N, C-alpha and C. Protein backbone atom coordinates (compact mmCIF):
# COMPACT_ATOMS: atom_id res chain seq x y z
N MET A 1 -34.25 -13.80 7.93
CA MET A 1 -35.25 -14.65 7.99
C MET A 1 -36.73 -14.12 6.96
N SER A 2 -37.32 -14.97 6.96
CA SER A 2 -38.57 -15.19 6.00
C SER A 2 -39.55 -14.21 6.62
N ASP A 3 -39.89 -13.37 5.36
CA ASP A 3 -40.87 -12.46 6.10
C ASP A 3 -42.41 -13.53 6.50
N ILE A 4 -42.15 -14.87 6.25
CA ILE A 4 -43.59 -15.89 6.60
C ILE A 4 -43.08 -16.44 7.69
N ASP A 5 -43.83 -16.11 8.43
CA ASP A 5 -44.55 -17.09 9.73
C ASP A 5 -44.54 -18.46 9.33
N PHE A 6 -43.46 -18.63 9.57
CA PHE A 6 -44.42 -20.48 9.50
C PHE A 6 -43.92 -21.32 10.93
N PRO A 7 -45.23 -22.16 11.10
CA PRO A 7 -45.17 -22.75 12.54
C PRO A 7 -43.92 -23.45 12.99
N ALA A 8 -43.22 -24.01 13.56
CA ALA A 8 -42.35 -24.61 13.89
C ALA A 8 -42.50 -25.78 14.07
N GLU A 9 -43.43 -26.36 14.16
CA GLU A 9 -43.68 -27.67 13.55
C GLU A 9 -42.81 -28.22 11.85
N LEU A 10 -43.48 -27.52 11.12
CA LEU A 10 -43.55 -26.92 10.15
C LEU A 10 -41.99 -27.07 9.31
N VAL A 11 -40.90 -25.97 9.97
CA VAL A 11 -39.63 -25.74 9.81
C VAL A 11 -38.95 -27.23 10.73
N GLU A 12 -39.29 -27.42 11.35
CA GLU A 12 -38.27 -29.24 12.16
C GLU A 12 -38.90 -29.71 11.08
N LEU A 13 -39.96 -29.48 10.82
CA LEU A 13 -40.52 -30.45 9.84
C LEU A 13 -39.52 -30.61 7.85
N GLU A 14 -39.70 -30.21 7.35
CA GLU A 14 -38.47 -29.45 6.43
C GLU A 14 -36.68 -29.59 6.50
N ARG A 15 -36.59 -29.55 8.23
CA ARG A 15 -35.69 -29.65 8.51
C ARG A 15 -35.00 -31.17 8.44
N SER A 16 -35.83 -31.69 9.27
CA SER A 16 -35.35 -33.03 9.62
C SER A 16 -35.24 -34.14 7.55
N ALA A 17 -36.31 -33.57 6.41
CA ALA A 17 -36.19 -33.70 5.31
C ALA A 17 -34.74 -33.43 5.03
N TRP A 18 -34.92 -31.89 5.16
CA TRP A 18 -33.06 -31.95 4.49
C TRP A 18 -32.25 -32.76 4.94
N GLU A 19 -32.45 -32.86 6.61
CA GLU A 19 -30.97 -33.90 7.16
C GLU A 19 -30.90 -34.95 6.56
N ALA A 20 -32.12 -35.73 6.50
CA ALA A 20 -32.55 -36.64 5.27
C ALA A 20 -31.68 -37.17 4.57
N ALA A 21 -32.47 -35.74 3.87
CA ALA A 21 -31.89 -35.62 1.96
C ALA A 21 -30.01 -35.95 1.57
N GLN A 22 -29.50 -34.80 2.61
CA GLN A 22 -27.86 -34.78 2.85
C GLN A 22 -27.43 -36.34 2.87
N ARG A 23 -28.01 -36.97 3.80
CA ARG A 23 -27.53 -38.43 3.91
C ARG A 23 -28.22 -39.42 2.85
N GLY A 24 -28.95 -39.24 1.89
CA GLY A 24 -29.29 -40.21 1.32
C GLY A 24 -30.07 -40.62 1.56
N GLU A 25 -31.44 -40.63 2.56
CA GLU A 25 -32.22 -41.78 3.26
C GLU A 25 -33.18 -40.68 3.62
N LEU A 26 -33.88 -40.04 2.73
CA LEU A 26 -35.01 -39.21 2.74
C LEU A 26 -35.76 -40.23 1.42
N THR A 27 -37.20 -40.82 2.27
CA THR A 27 -38.61 -41.46 2.08
C THR A 27 -39.19 -40.47 1.12
N ALA A 28 -39.81 -41.49 0.45
CA ALA A 28 -41.30 -41.12 -0.08
C ALA A 28 -42.17 -40.28 0.63
N ASP A 29 -42.16 -41.17 1.45
CA ASP A 29 -43.15 -40.92 2.66
C ASP A 29 -43.07 -39.55 3.49
N LEU A 30 -41.47 -39.36 4.04
CA LEU A 30 -41.21 -38.16 4.47
C LEU A 30 -41.70 -37.18 3.42
N ALA A 31 -40.96 -37.10 2.25
CA ALA A 31 -41.24 -36.24 1.60
C ALA A 31 -42.43 -35.72 1.11
N ALA A 32 -43.01 -36.51 1.10
CA ALA A 32 -44.90 -36.72 0.81
C ALA A 32 -45.44 -35.93 1.96
N LYS A 33 -45.36 -36.05 3.22
CA LYS A 33 -45.66 -35.67 3.99
C LYS A 33 -45.26 -33.81 4.18
N VAL A 34 -43.81 -34.02 3.64
CA VAL A 34 -44.08 -32.05 4.12
C VAL A 34 -44.74 -31.33 2.87
N GLN A 35 -44.38 -31.91 1.86
CA GLN A 35 -45.55 -31.95 0.88
C GLN A 35 -46.72 -31.28 1.10
N ALA A 36 -47.20 -31.99 1.59
CA ALA A 36 -48.88 -32.35 2.19
C ALA A 36 -49.03 -30.87 3.36
N ARG A 37 -48.26 -30.63 4.39
CA ARG A 37 -47.73 -30.07 5.31
C ARG A 37 -47.65 -28.44 5.20
N ILE A 38 -46.85 -28.24 3.58
CA ILE A 38 -46.78 -26.58 3.03
C ILE A 38 -47.64 -26.52 2.00
N THR A 39 -48.29 -27.75 1.53
CA THR A 39 -49.84 -27.28 0.85
C THR A 39 -50.79 -26.60 1.73
N ALA A 40 -50.62 -27.59 2.81
CA ALA A 40 -51.81 -27.06 3.61
C ALA A 40 -52.02 -25.77 4.43
N PHE A 41 -50.06 -25.01 4.57
CA PHE A 41 -49.63 -24.65 5.02
C PHE A 41 -50.40 -23.31 4.05
N ALA A 42 -49.79 -23.12 3.56
CA ALA A 42 -50.02 -22.19 2.00
C ALA A 42 -51.76 -21.84 2.09
N GLU A 43 -52.23 -22.83 1.83
CA GLU A 43 -54.07 -22.78 1.45
C GLU A 43 -54.39 -22.14 2.88
N ALA A 44 -54.20 -22.43 3.78
CA ALA A 44 -54.45 -21.59 5.15
C ALA A 44 -54.18 -20.34 5.44
N SER A 45 -52.93 -20.16 4.32
CA SER A 45 -52.25 -18.68 4.63
C SER A 45 -52.57 -18.16 3.65
N GLY A 46 -53.27 -18.01 2.46
CA GLY A 46 -53.82 -17.75 0.89
C GLY A 46 -52.42 -17.05 0.77
N LEU A 47 -51.44 -18.37 0.65
CA LEU A 47 -50.30 -18.20 -0.06
C LEU A 47 -50.19 -18.85 -0.95
N ASP A 48 -49.39 -18.35 -2.24
CA ASP A 48 -49.63 -19.81 -3.34
C ASP A 48 -48.16 -20.68 -2.64
N ARG A 49 -48.71 -22.16 -3.32
CA ARG A 49 -47.34 -22.89 -2.77
C ARG A 49 -46.10 -23.15 -3.17
N TYR A 50 -46.01 -22.52 -3.82
CA TYR A 50 -44.33 -22.48 -4.49
C TYR A 50 -43.67 -21.56 -3.83
N THR A 51 -44.30 -19.69 -3.65
CA THR A 51 -43.72 -19.25 -2.71
C THR A 51 -43.74 -19.85 -1.52
N ALA A 52 -44.64 -20.20 -0.55
CA ALA A 52 -44.38 -20.70 0.86
C ALA A 52 -43.47 -22.20 0.97
N GLU A 53 -43.28 -22.65 0.03
CA GLU A 53 -41.95 -23.95 -0.19
C GLU A 53 -40.64 -23.57 -0.44
N MET A 54 -40.09 -21.85 -1.16
CA MET A 54 -39.18 -21.57 -1.71
C MET A 54 -38.90 -21.45 -0.68
N ALA A 55 -39.74 -20.39 0.10
CA ALA A 55 -40.01 -19.29 1.53
C ALA A 55 -38.73 -20.30 2.40
N LEU A 56 -39.67 -21.75 2.56
CA LEU A 56 -39.52 -22.86 3.65
C LEU A 56 -37.88 -23.37 3.47
N LYS A 57 -37.65 -23.94 2.08
CA LYS A 57 -36.69 -24.21 2.01
C LYS A 57 -35.32 -23.22 2.04
N LYS A 58 -35.53 -21.82 1.66
CA LYS A 58 -34.58 -21.14 1.76
C LYS A 58 -34.37 -20.92 3.32
N LEU A 59 -34.95 -20.80 4.26
CA LEU A 59 -34.83 -20.70 5.92
C LEU A 59 -34.32 -21.70 6.28
N VAL A 60 -34.62 -23.42 5.82
CA VAL A 60 -33.94 -24.00 6.41
C VAL A 60 -32.80 -24.44 5.98
N ARG A 61 -32.47 -23.80 4.62
CA ARG A 61 -31.08 -24.36 3.68
C ARG A 61 -30.13 -23.10 4.12
N HIS A 62 -30.29 -21.95 4.05
CA HIS A 62 -29.42 -20.86 4.23
C HIS A 62 -30.08 -19.84 4.97
N PRO A 63 -29.62 -20.42 6.10
CA PRO A 63 -30.56 -19.44 7.77
C PRO A 63 -29.52 -18.14 7.18
N GLU A 64 -29.97 -16.99 7.55
CA GLU A 64 -29.15 -15.35 8.22
C GLU A 64 -28.73 -15.55 9.23
N PRO A 65 -27.51 -15.50 9.17
CA PRO A 65 -26.39 -15.66 10.80
C PRO A 65 -27.40 -14.79 11.69
N ASP A 66 -27.18 -14.98 13.04
CA ASP A 66 -27.27 -14.52 13.82
C ASP A 66 -27.26 -12.90 13.92
N ALA A 67 -27.99 -11.72 14.62
CA ALA A 67 -27.46 -10.35 14.45
C ALA A 67 -26.81 -10.06 15.43
């Protein structure tokens, strides 16, 4: 799992956007909402937005199997 402690609501928001994208139903509004939340989280955490976004996408799209 990621070394970054993402809030559950941000993980769920990214997951819903990823699932919508997989169905071909991702809207610009949802994508913008995800980007805004990632940016706010990164700024509040002192992280680079790109680093936070890539870690979140990896967490959602490629979860590690349970040990």
